[in-house]
Protein backbone atom coordinates (compact mmCIF):
# COMPACT_ATOMS: atom_id res chain seq x y z
CA MET A 1 175.46 113.63 115.44
CA MET A 2 174.90 113.05 112.08
CA PRO A 3 172.20 110.39 110.11
CA LEU A 4 174.27 107.27 108.82
CA THR A 5 173.75 108.13 105.45
CA MET A 6 176.65 110.58 106.20
CA ALA A 7 179.07 107.84 106.33
CA ARG A 8 181.77 107.13 104.31
CA THR A 9 182.43 103.32 102.56
CA GLY A 10 184.79 101.75 104.62
CA GLU A 11 184.18 103.73 107.47
CA LYS A 12 183.66 102.03 111.16
CA VAL A 13 181.20 104.32 113.34
CA ILE A 14 179.28 104.36 116.96
CA ILE A 15 175.40 104.07 116.65
CA ARG A 16 174.64 107.10 119.15
CA LYS A 17 170.85 107.42 118.54
CA ILE A 18 167.46 105.80 116.72
CA SER A 19 164.55 107.85 116.05
CA GLY A 20 161.58 106.63 114.71
CA ASN A 21 158.31 105.24 116.60
CA ASP A 22 158.32 102.26 118.69
CA ASP A 23 157.75 99.78 115.90
CA ILE A 24 160.60 100.92 113.74
CA ARG A 25 163.05 101.15 117.04
CA ARG A 26 162.32 97.69 117.97
CA HIS A 27 163.02 96.16 114.45
CA LEU A 28 165.92 97.80 113.75
CA ALA A 29 167.26 96.47 117.35
CA THR A 30 166.04 93.06 116.32
CA LEU A 31 168.42 93.39 113.44
CA GLY A 32 171.29 94.36 115.63
CA PHE A 33 171.22 98.10 115.59
CA VAL A 34 171.54 98.96 118.99
CA VAL A 35 174.39 101.17 120.70
CA ASP A 36 177.54 99.65 119.40
CA MET A 37 180.11 100.17 116.71
CA ILE A 38 179.15 98.97 112.93
CA LEU A 39 180.98 99.20 109.62
CA VAL A 40 179.67 100.90 106.01
CA VAL A 41 180.51 98.04 103.91
CA SER A 42 178.78 99.70 100.68
CA GLN A 43 176.87 102.97 99.47
CA ILE A 44 174.89 103.48 96.60
CA ALA A 45 172.34 106.22 96.35
CA GLY A 46 172.26 106.89 99.94
CA ASN A 47 171.24 102.96 100.30
CA LEU A 48 173.53 101.19 102.55
CA ILE A 49 174.94 97.66 103.53
CA VAL A 50 176.35 97.55 106.80
CA GLU A 51 178.06 94.92 108.91
CA VAL A 52 176.38 94.80 112.38
CA LYS A 53 177.72 92.09 114.75
CA GLY A 54 179.15 89.80 112.07
CA SER A 55 176.45 89.92 109.70
CA ARG A 56 175.82 92.18 106.62
CA VAL A 57 172.23 94.11 106.78
CA ALA A 58 171.17 96.15 103.90
CA LEU A 59 169.12 99.55 104.59
CA ASP A 60 167.45 102.03 102.14
CA LYS A 61 167.67 105.31 102.47
CA SER A 62 164.92 106.27 104.75
CA MET A 63 165.94 103.68 107.52
CA ALA A 64 169.78 104.73 107.23
CA ARG A 65 168.36 108.67 107.92
CA ARG A 66 166.92 106.97 111.55
CA ILE A 67 170.07 106.07 112.60
CA PHE A 68 172.46 109.01 114.15
CA ILE A 69 176.28 108.17 114.45
């Protein structure tokens, strides 16, 4: 497993695990970050835009490091 920040632009990845406290995991789950496939749309300085269940979501570097693929 590796953090989502290591994924390349245009790469489809599968979420394996989300770390952090319950509030962070719950927040990410409401945004659609569950064990599922996502697409990395763009990456600038570690910040990501990903496509999750048909919606694009922006993640800062610290949140992206909590999602493991």
